[in-house]
Full PDB file with SEQRES, HELIX, SHEET, SSBOND, CRYST1, ORIGX, SCALE, CONECT and MASTER records, all heavy atoms in Angstrom:
SEQRES   1 A   35  ILE GLY ASP ALA THR TRP ALA VAL LEU ARG ARG ALA ALA          
SEQRES   2 A   35  VAL ARG GLY HIS GLY VAL ARG VAL GLY LEU GLU ASP VAL          
SEQRES   3 A   35  LEU THR LEU PRO ASP GLY THR ASP ALA                          
HELIX    1 AA1 GLY A    2  ALA A    4  5                                   3    
HELIX    2 AA2 THR A    5  VAL A   14  1                                  10    
CRYST1    1.000    1.000    1.000  90.00  90.00  90.00 P 1           1          
ORIGX1      1.000000  0.000000  0.000000        0.00000                         
ORIGX2      0.000000  1.000000  0.000000        0.00000                         
ORIGX3      0.000000  0.000000  1.000000        0.00000                         
SCALE1      1.000000  0.000000  0.000000        0.00000                         
SCALE2      0.000000  1.000000  0.000000        0.00000                         
SCALE3      0.000000  0.000000  1.000000        0.00000                         
ATOM      1  N   ILE A   1      32.566 -71.193  10.405  1.00  0.00           N  
ATOM      2  CA  ILE A   1      32.886 -71.222  11.838  1.00  0.00           C  
ATOM      3  C   ILE A   1      32.010 -72.265  12.522  1.00  0.00           C  
ATOM      4  O   ILE A   1      30.911 -72.579  12.070  1.00  0.00           O  
ATOM      5  CB  ILE A   1      32.691 -69.852  12.526  1.00  0.00           C  
ATOM      6  CG1 ILE A   1      31.246 -69.361  12.374  1.00  0.00           C  
ATOM      7  CG2 ILE A   1      33.687 -68.838  12.005  1.00  0.00           C  
ATOM      8  CD1 ILE A   1      30.916 -68.195  13.297  1.00  0.00           C  
ATOM      9  N   GLY A   2      32.534 -72.771  13.637  1.00  0.00           N  
ATOM     10  CA  GLY A   2      31.756 -73.656  14.487  1.00  0.00           C  
ATOM     11  C   GLY A   2      31.166 -74.840  13.748  1.00  0.00           C  
ATOM     12  O   GLY A   2      31.800 -75.448  12.884  1.00  0.00           O  
ATOM     13  N   ASP A   3      29.922 -75.147  14.075  1.00  0.00           N  
ATOM     14  CA  ASP A   3      29.260 -76.328  13.543  1.00  0.00           C  
ATOM     15  C   ASP A   3      29.106 -76.285  12.019  1.00  0.00           C  
ATOM     16  O   ASP A   3      28.957 -77.325  11.379  1.00  0.00           O  
ATOM     17  CB  ASP A   3      27.877 -76.501  14.174  1.00  0.00           C  
ATOM     18  CG  ASP A   3      27.949 -76.860  15.651  1.00  0.00           C  
ATOM     19  OD1 ASP A   3      29.024 -77.315  16.101  1.00  0.00           O  
ATOM     20  OD2 ASP A   3      26.938 -76.680  16.354  1.00  0.00           O  
ATOM     21  N   ALA A   4      29.119 -75.079  11.441  1.00  0.00           N  
ATOM     22  CA  ALA A   4      28.903 -74.956   9.997  1.00  0.00           C  
ATOM     23  C   ALA A   4      30.176 -75.149   9.185  1.00  0.00           C  
ATOM     24  O   ALA A   4      30.118 -75.238   7.955  1.00  0.00           O  
ATOM     25  CB  ALA A   4      28.312 -73.584   9.687  1.00  0.00           C  
ATOM     26  N   THR A   5      31.313 -75.221   9.844  1.00  0.00           N  
ATOM     27  CA  THR A   5      32.593 -75.242   9.133  1.00  0.00           C  
ATOM     28  C   THR A   5      32.667 -76.321   8.067  1.00  0.00           C  
ATOM     29  O   THR A   5      33.021 -76.057   6.909  1.00  0.00           O  
ATOM     30  CB  THR A   5      33.743 -75.437  10.136  1.00  0.00           C  
ATOM     31  OG1 THR A   5      33.803 -74.300  11.001  1.00  0.00           O  
ATOM     32  CG2 THR A   5      35.074 -75.599   9.410  1.00  0.00           C  
ATOM     33  N   TRP A   6      32.349 -77.534   8.439  1.00  0.00           N  
ATOM     34  CA  TRP A   6      32.587 -78.655   7.523  1.00  0.00           C  
ATOM     35  C   TRP A   6      31.634 -78.644   6.346  1.00  0.00           C  
ATOM     36  O   TRP A   6      32.007 -79.059   5.232  1.00  0.00           O  
ATOM     37  CB  TRP A   6      32.550 -79.974   8.286  1.00  0.00           C  
ATOM     38  CG  TRP A   6      33.625 -79.999   9.326  1.00  0.00           C  
ATOM     39  CD1 TRP A   6      33.485 -79.818  10.680  1.00  0.00           C  
ATOM     40  CD2 TRP A   6      35.038 -80.127   9.090  1.00  0.00           C  
ATOM     41  NE1 TRP A   6      34.715 -79.842  11.297  1.00  0.00           N  
ATOM     42  CE2 TRP A   6      35.687 -80.032  10.351  1.00  0.00           C  
ATOM     43  CE3 TRP A   6      35.813 -80.316   7.949  1.00  0.00           C  
ATOM     44  CZ2 TRP A   6      37.067 -80.123  10.482  1.00  0.00           C  
ATOM     45  CZ3 TRP A   6      37.187 -80.405   8.069  1.00  0.00           C  
ATOM     46  CH2 TRP A   6      37.804 -80.308   9.333  1.00  0.00           C  
ATOM     47  N   ALA A   7      30.429 -78.123   6.526  1.00  0.00           N  
ATOM     48  CA  ALA A   7      29.507 -77.987   5.392  1.00  0.00           C  
ATOM     49  C   ALA A   7      30.026 -76.945   4.402  1.00  0.00           C  
ATOM     50  O   ALA A   7      29.938 -77.134   3.182  1.00  0.00           O  
ATOM     51  CB  ALA A   7      28.115 -77.600   5.893  1.00  0.00           C  
ATOM     52  N   VAL A   8      30.562 -75.844   4.911  1.00  0.00           N  
ATOM     53  CA  VAL A   8      31.121 -74.812   4.035  1.00  0.00           C  
ATOM     54  C   VAL A   8      32.340 -75.348   3.293  1.00  0.00           C  
ATOM     55  O   VAL A   8      32.506 -75.137   2.079  1.00  0.00           O  
ATOM     56  CB  VAL A   8      31.477 -73.548   4.847  1.00  0.00           C  
ATOM     57  CG1 VAL A   8      32.247 -72.546   3.988  1.00  0.00           C  
ATOM     58  CG2 VAL A   8      30.212 -72.897   5.407  1.00  0.00           C  
ATOM     59  N   LEU A   9      33.215 -76.065   4.014  1.00  0.00           N  
ATOM     60  CA  LEU A   9      34.400 -76.630   3.364  1.00  0.00           C  
ATOM     61  C   LEU A   9      34.019 -77.653   2.299  1.00  0.00           C  
ATOM     62  O   LEU A   9      34.656 -77.731   1.237  1.00  0.00           O  
ATOM     63  CB  LEU A   9      35.317 -77.267   4.404  1.00  0.00           C  
ATOM     64  CG  LEU A   9      36.439 -76.375   4.958  1.00  0.00           C  
ATOM     65  CD1 LEU A   9      35.902 -75.101   5.575  1.00  0.00           C  
ATOM     66  CD2 LEU A   9      37.290 -77.140   5.947  1.00  0.00           C  
ATOM     67  N   ARG A  10      32.981 -78.430   2.574  1.00  0.00           N  
ATOM     68  CA  ARG A  10      32.552 -79.437   1.603  1.00  0.00           C  
ATOM     69  C   ARG A  10      32.052 -78.764   0.324  1.00  0.00           C  
ATOM     70  O   ARG A  10      32.376 -79.195  -0.787  1.00  0.00           O  
ATOM     71  CB  ARG A  10      31.462 -80.313   2.219  1.00  0.00           C  
ATOM     72  CG  ARG A  10      31.150 -81.570   1.429  1.00  0.00           C  
ATOM     73  CD  ARG A  10      30.218 -82.487   2.213  1.00  0.00           C  
ATOM     74  NE  ARG A  10      30.853 -82.960   3.467  1.00  0.00           N  
ATOM     75  CZ  ARG A  10      30.516 -82.556   4.687  1.00  0.00           C  
ATOM     76  NH1 ARG A  10      29.542 -81.667   4.854  1.00  0.00           N  
ATOM     77  NH2 ARG A  10      31.131 -83.026   5.742  1.00  0.00           N  
ATOM     78  N   ARG A  11      31.280 -77.697   0.476  1.00  0.00           N  
ATOM     79  CA  ARG A  11      30.810 -76.967  -0.713  1.00  0.00           C  
ATOM     80  C   ARG A  11      31.993 -76.399  -1.490  1.00  0.00           C  
ATOM     81  O   ARG A  11      32.030 -76.474  -2.734  1.00  0.00           O  
ATOM     82  CB  ARG A  11      29.853 -75.846  -0.316  1.00  0.00           C  
ATOM     83  CG  ARG A  11      29.384 -75.039  -1.523  1.00  0.00           C  
ATOM     84  CD  ARG A  11      28.434 -73.891  -1.197  1.00  0.00           C  
ATOM     85  NE  ARG A  11      28.012 -73.290  -2.455  1.00  0.00           N  
ATOM     86  CZ  ARG A  11      28.679 -72.336  -3.083  1.00  0.00           C  
ATOM     87  NH1 ARG A  11      29.793 -71.847  -2.564  1.00  0.00           N  
ATOM     88  NH2 ARG A  11      28.239 -71.860  -4.241  1.00  0.00           N  
ATOM     89  N   ALA A  12      32.951 -75.832  -0.792  1.00  0.00           N  
ATOM     90  CA  ALA A  12      34.122 -75.270  -1.469  1.00  0.00           C  
ATOM     91  C   ALA A  12      34.896 -76.351  -2.205  1.00  0.00           C  
ATOM     92  O   ALA A  12      35.370 -76.149  -3.330  1.00  0.00           O  
ATOM     93  CB  ALA A  12      35.017 -74.565  -0.457  1.00  0.00           C  
ATOM     94  N   ALA A  13      35.026 -77.517  -1.581  1.00  0.00           N  
ATOM     95  CA  ALA A  13      35.765 -78.614  -2.209  1.00  0.00           C  
ATOM     96  C   ALA A  13      35.076 -79.077  -3.487  1.00  0.00           C  
ATOM     97  O   ALA A  13      35.738 -79.357  -4.495  1.00  0.00           O  
ATOM     98  CB  ALA A  13      35.916 -79.769  -1.228  1.00  0.00           C  
ATOM     99  N   VAL A  14      33.750 -79.176  -3.452  1.00  0.00           N  
ATOM    100  CA  VAL A  14      32.999 -79.564  -4.644  1.00  0.00           C  
ATOM    101  C   VAL A  14      33.302 -78.609  -5.795  1.00  0.00           C  
ATOM    102  O   VAL A  14      33.431 -79.013  -6.957  1.00  0.00           O  
ATOM    103  CB  VAL A  14      31.485 -79.587  -4.344  1.00  0.00           C  
ATOM    104  CG1 VAL A  14      30.665 -79.663  -5.629  1.00  0.00           C  
ATOM    105  CG2 VAL A  14      31.151 -80.756  -3.432  1.00  0.00           C  
ATOM    106  N   ARG A  15      33.462 -77.343  -5.475  1.00  0.00           N  
ATOM    107  CA  ARG A  15      33.641 -76.322  -6.489  1.00  0.00           C  
ATOM    108  C   ARG A  15      35.113 -76.053  -6.823  1.00  0.00           C  
ATOM    109  O   ARG A  15      35.427 -75.184  -7.628  1.00  0.00           O  
ATOM    110  CB  ARG A  15      32.939 -75.045  -6.035  1.00  0.00           C  
ATOM    111  CG  ARG A  15      31.432 -75.262  -5.871  1.00  0.00           C  
ATOM    112  CD  ARG A  15      30.722 -74.066  -5.310  1.00  0.00           C  
ATOM    113  NE  ARG A  15      30.755 -72.926  -6.207  1.00  0.00           N  
ATOM    114  CZ  ARG A  15      30.047 -72.815  -7.318  1.00  0.00           C  
ATOM    115  NH1 ARG A  15      29.255 -73.803  -7.705  1.00  0.00           N  
ATOM    116  NH2 ARG A  15      30.120 -71.742  -8.060  1.00  0.00           N  
ATOM    117  N   GLY A  16      36.001 -76.810  -6.190  1.00  0.00           N  
ATOM    118  CA  GLY A  16      37.405 -76.686  -6.520  1.00  0.00           C  
ATOM    119  C   GLY A  16      38.101 -75.489  -5.907  1.00  0.00           C  
ATOM    120  O   GLY A  16      39.178 -75.086  -6.369  1.00  0.00           O  
ATOM    121  N   HIS A  17      37.520 -74.914  -4.849  1.00  0.00           N  
ATOM    122  CA  HIS A  17      38.114 -73.757  -4.194  1.00  0.00           C  
ATOM    123  C   HIS A  17      39.033 -74.177  -3.049  1.00  0.00           C  
ATOM    124  O   HIS A  17      38.929 -75.295  -2.519  1.00  0.00           O  
ATOM    125  CB  HIS A  17      37.025 -72.833  -3.639  1.00  0.00           C  
ATOM    126  CG  HIS A  17      36.126 -72.260  -4.680  1.00  0.00           C  
ATOM    127  ND1 HIS A  17      36.583 -71.746  -5.873  1.00  0.00           N  
ATOM    128  CD2 HIS A  17      34.765 -72.110  -4.697  1.00  0.00           C  
ATOM    129  CE1 HIS A  17      35.557 -71.307  -6.587  1.00  0.00           C  
ATOM    130  NE2 HIS A  17      34.447 -71.513  -5.896  1.00  0.00           N  
ATOM    131  N   GLY A  18      39.894 -73.265  -2.631  1.00  0.00           N  
ATOM    132  CA  GLY A  18      40.701 -73.488  -1.452  1.00  0.00           C  
ATOM    133  C   GLY A  18      39.858 -73.411  -0.191  1.00  0.00           C  
ATOM    134  O   GLY A  18      38.740 -72.874  -0.184  1.00  0.00           O  
ATOM    135  N   VAL A  19      40.408 -73.945   0.900  1.00  0.00           N  
ATOM    136  CA  VAL A  19      39.695 -73.941   2.182  1.00  0.00           C  
ATOM    137  C   VAL A  19      40.643 -73.526   3.298  1.00  0.00           C  
ATOM    138  O   VAL A  19      41.859 -73.650   3.179  1.00  0.00           O  
ATOM    139  CB  VAL A  19      39.092 -75.327   2.511  1.00  0.00           C  
ATOM    140  CG1 VAL A  19      38.097 -75.742   1.440  1.00  0.00           C  
ATOM    141  CG2 VAL A  19      40.172 -76.385   2.664  1.00  0.00           C  
ATOM    142  N   ARG A  20      40.048 -73.032   4.376  1.00  0.00           N  
ATOM    143  CA  ARG A  20      40.810 -72.694   5.581  1.00  0.00           C  
ATOM    144  C   ARG A  20      40.182 -73.392   6.767  1.00  0.00           C  
ATOM    145  O   ARG A  20      38.950 -73.483   6.876  1.00  0.00           O  
ATOM    146  CB  ARG A  20      40.801 -71.181   5.824  1.00  0.00           C  
ATOM    147  CG  ARG A  20      41.585 -70.768   7.059  1.00  0.00           C  
ATOM    148  CD  ARG A  20      41.523 -69.273   7.280  1.00  0.00           C  
ATOM    149  NE  ARG A  20      40.829 -68.929   8.509  1.00  0.00           N  
ATOM    150  CZ  ARG A  20      40.639 -67.687   8.940  1.00  0.00           C  
ATOM    151  NH1 ARG A  20      41.067 -66.665   8.236  1.00  0.00           N  
ATOM    152  NH2 ARG A  20      39.995 -67.464  10.068  1.00  0.00           N  
ATOM    153  N   VAL A  21      41.045 -73.886   7.679  1.00  0.00           N  
ATOM    154  CA  VAL A  21      40.539 -74.537   8.879  1.00  0.00           C  
ATOM    155  C   VAL A  21      41.582 -74.399   9.981  1.00  0.00           C  
ATOM    156  O   VAL A  21      42.777 -74.240   9.721  1.00  0.00           O  
ATOM    157  CB  VAL A  21      40.210 -76.029   8.600  1.00  0.00           C  
ATOM    158  CG1 VAL A  21      41.482 -76.849   8.434  1.00  0.00           C  
ATOM    159  CG2 VAL A  21      39.307 -76.626   9.674  1.00  0.00           C  
ATOM    160  N   GLY A  22      41.129 -74.432  11.203  1.00  0.00           N  
ATOM    161  CA  GLY A  22      42.026 -74.350  12.350  1.00  0.00           C  
ATOM    162  C   GLY A  22      41.230 -74.036  13.595  1.00  0.00           C  
ATOM    163  O   GLY A  22      40.015 -73.775  13.535  1.00  0.00           O  
ATOM    164  N   LEU A  23      41.887 -74.045  14.726  1.00  0.00           N  
ATOM    165  CA  LEU A  23      41.187 -73.785  15.988  1.00  0.00           C  
ATOM    166  C   LEU A  23      40.631 -72.372  16.057  1.00  0.00           C  
ATOM    167  O   LEU A  23      39.756 -72.094  16.882  1.00  0.00           O  
ATOM    168  CB  LEU A  23      42.135 -74.045  17.158  1.00  0.00           C  
ATOM    169  CG  LEU A  23      42.509 -75.527  17.368  1.00  0.00           C  
ATOM    170  CD1 LEU A  23      43.569 -75.656  18.464  1.00  0.00           C  
ATOM    171  CD2 LEU A  23      41.284 -76.374  17.708  1.00  0.00           C  
ATOM    172  N   GLU A  24      41.111 -71.484  15.200  1.00  0.00           N  
ATOM    173  CA  GLU A  24      40.506 -70.155  15.128  1.00  0.00           C  
ATOM    174  C   GLU A  24      39.051 -70.240  14.672  1.00  0.00           C  
ATOM    175  O   GLU A  24      38.232 -69.381  15.032  1.00  0.00           O  
ATOM    176  CB  GLU A  24      41.297 -69.262  14.169  1.00  0.00           C  
ATOM    177  CG  GLU A  24      40.727 -67.861  14.043  1.00  0.00           C  
ATOM    178  CD  GLU A  24      41.611 -66.920  13.246  1.00  0.00           C  
ATOM    179  OE1 GLU A  24      42.787 -67.262  12.981  1.00  0.00           O  
ATOM    180  OE2 GLU A  24      41.139 -65.834  12.902  1.00  0.00           O  
ATOM    181  N   ASP A  25      38.728 -71.262  13.870  1.00  0.00           N  
ATOM    182  CA  ASP A  25      37.410 -71.354  13.254  1.00  0.00           C  
ATOM    183  C   ASP A  25      36.502 -72.398  13.886  1.00  0.00           C  
ATOM    184  O   ASP A  25      35.293 -72.206  13.975  1.00  0.00           O  
ATOM    185  CB  ASP A  25      37.556 -71.691  11.762  1.00  0.00           C  
ATOM    186  CG  ASP A  25      38.459 -70.712  11.026  1.00  0.00           C  
ATOM    187  OD1 ASP A  25      38.403 -69.521  11.342  1.00  0.00           O  
ATOM    188  OD2 ASP A  25      39.231 -71.165  10.152  1.00  0.00           O  
ATOM    189  N   VAL A  26      37.072 -73.545  14.278  1.00  0.00           N  
ATOM    190  CA  VAL A  26      36.241 -74.674  14.702  1.00  0.00           C  
ATOM    191  C   VAL A  26      37.027 -75.518  15.703  1.00  0.00           C  
ATOM    192  O   VAL A  26      38.249 -75.662  15.590  1.00  0.00           O  
ATOM    193  CB  VAL A  26      35.814 -75.521  13.482  1.00  0.00           C  
ATOM    194  CG1 VAL A  26      37.007 -76.075  12.732  1.00  0.00           C  
ATOM    195  CG2 VAL A  26      34.859 -76.637  13.883  1.00  0.00           C  
ATOM    196  N   LEU A  27      36.311 -76.080  16.671  1.00  0.00           N  
ATOM    197  CA  LEU A  27      36.960 -76.875  17.715  1.00  0.00           C  
ATOM    198  C   LEU A  27      36.649 -78.366  17.606  1.00  0.00           C  
ATOM    199  O   LEU A  27      37.107 -79.144  18.442  1.00  0.00           O  
ATOM    200  CB  LEU A  27      36.517 -76.372  19.095  1.00  0.00           C  
ATOM    201  CG  LEU A  27      36.793 -74.899  19.391  1.00  0.00           C  
ATOM    202  CD1 LEU A  27      36.295 -74.536  20.781  1.00  0.00           C  
ATOM    203  CD2 LEU A  27      38.272 -74.573  19.251  1.00  0.00           C  
ATOM    204  N   THR A  28      35.883 -78.751  16.577  1.00  0.00           N  
ATOM    205  CA  THR A  28      35.498 -80.159  16.448  1.00  0.00           C  
ATOM    206  C   THR A  28      35.845 -80.691  15.067  1.00  0.00           C  
ATOM    207  O   THR A  28      35.832 -79.963  14.074  1.00  0.00           O  
ATOM    208  CB  THR A  28      33.992 -80.353  16.684  1.00  0.00           C  
ATOM    209  OG1 THR A  28      33.265 -79.502  15.795  1.00  0.00           O  
ATOM    210  CG2 THR A  28      33.626 -80.028  18.120  1.00  0.00           C  
ATOM    211  N   LEU A  29      36.115 -81.985  15.015  1.00  0.00           N  
ATOM    212  CA  LEU A  29      36.361 -82.692  13.769  1.00  0.00           C  
ATOM    213  C   LEU A  29      35.038 -82.993  13.066  1.00  0.00           C  
ATOM    214  O   LEU A  29      33.966 -82.789  13.653  1.00  0.00           O  
ATOM    215  CB  LEU A  29      37.123 -83.975  14.072  1.00  0.00           C  
ATOM    216  CG  LEU A  29      38.522 -83.771  14.669  1.00  0.00           C  
ATOM    217  CD1 LEU A  29      39.056 -85.080  15.250  1.00  0.00           C  
ATOM    218  CD2 LEU A  29      39.474 -83.210  13.616  1.00  0.00           C  
ATOM    219  N   PRO A  30      35.074 -83.437  11.809  1.00  0.00           N  
ATOM    220  CA  PRO A  30      33.820 -83.680  11.097  1.00  0.00           C  
ATOM    221  C   PRO A  30      32.865 -84.641  11.792  1.00  0.00           C  
ATOM    222  O   PRO A  30      31.642 -84.546  11.612  1.00  0.00           O  
ATOM    223  CB  PRO A  30      34.288 -84.264   9.758  1.00  0.00           C  
ATOM    224  CG  PRO A  30      35.645 -83.693   9.559  1.00  0.00           C  
ATOM    225  CD  PRO A  30      36.250 -83.616  10.932  1.00  0.00           C  
ATOM    226  N   ASP A  31      33.378 -85.566  12.600  1.00  0.00           N  
ATOM    227  CA  ASP A  31      32.499 -86.512  13.303  1.00  0.00           C  
ATOM    228  C   ASP A  31      31.965 -85.957  14.618  1.00  0.00           C  
ATOM    229  O   ASP A  31      31.274 -86.657  15.365  1.00  0.00           O  
ATOM    230  CB  ASP A  31      33.221 -87.840  13.549  1.00  0.00           C  
ATOM    231  CG  ASP A  31      34.436 -87.694  14.470  1.00  0.00           C  
ATOM    232  OD1 ASP A  31      34.706 -86.566  14.964  1.00  0.00           O  
ATOM    233  OD2 ASP A  31      35.126 -88.703  14.693  1.00  0.00           O  
ATOM    234  N   GLY A  32      32.286 -84.697  14.918  1.00  0.00           N  
ATOM    235  CA  GLY A  32      31.779 -84.048  16.124  1.00  0.00           C  
ATOM    236  C   GLY A  32      32.647 -84.195  17.345  1.00  0.00           C  
ATOM    237  O   GLY A  32      32.358 -83.598  18.390  1.00  0.00           O  
ATOM    238  N   THR A  33      33.720 -84.970  17.264  1.00  0.00           N  
ATOM    239  CA  THR A  33      34.620 -85.116  18.407  1.00  0.00           C  
ATOM    240  C   THR A  33      35.527 -83.898  18.526  1.00  0.00           C  
ATOM    241  O   THR A  33      35.756 -83.174  17.558  1.00  0.00           O  
ATOM    242  CB  THR A  33      35.480 -86.388  18.272  1.00  0.00           C  
ATOM    243  OG1 THR A  33      36.253 -86.308  17.060  1.00  0.00           O  
ATOM    244  CG2 THR A  33      34.603 -87.624  18.237  1.00  0.00           C  
ATOM    245  N   ASP A  34      36.040 -83.670  19.731  1.00  0.00           N  
ATOM    246  CA  ASP A  34      36.900 -82.509  19.969  1.00  0.00           C  
ATOM    247  C   ASP A  34      38.185 -82.620  19.165  1.00  0.00           C  
ATOM    248  O   ASP A  34      38.821 -83.683  19.105  1.00  0.00           O  
ATOM    249  CB  ASP A  34      37.244 -82.401  21.453  1.00  0.00           C  
ATOM    250  CG  ASP A  34      36.049 -82.017  22.306  1.00  0.00           C  
ATOM    251  OD1 ASP A  34      35.046 -81.535  21.731  1.00  0.00           O  
ATOM    252  OD2 ASP A  34      36.115 -82.206  23.531  1.00  0.00           O  
ATOM    253  N   ALA A  35      38.587 -81.516  18.549  1.00  0.00           N  
ATOM    254  CA  ALA A  35      39.840 -81.489  17.796  1.00  0.00           C  
ATOM    255  C   ALA A  35      40.997 -81.270  18.763  1.00  0.00           C  
ATOM    256  O   ALA A  35      40.984 -80.299  19.525  1.00  0.00           O  
ATOM    257  CB  ALA A  35      39.811 -80.374  16.762  1.00  0.00           C  
TER     258      ALA A  35                                                      
MASTER        0    0    0    2    0    0    0    6  257    1    0    3          
END                                                                             
């Protein structure tokens, strides 16, 4: 959730797991700009 979303997704991607994302979880893109 929030600021931690992209770090969690990156770890999951490294390990070959699925990921979830959307405005329910995070309002910003990886570069910090508003989604």
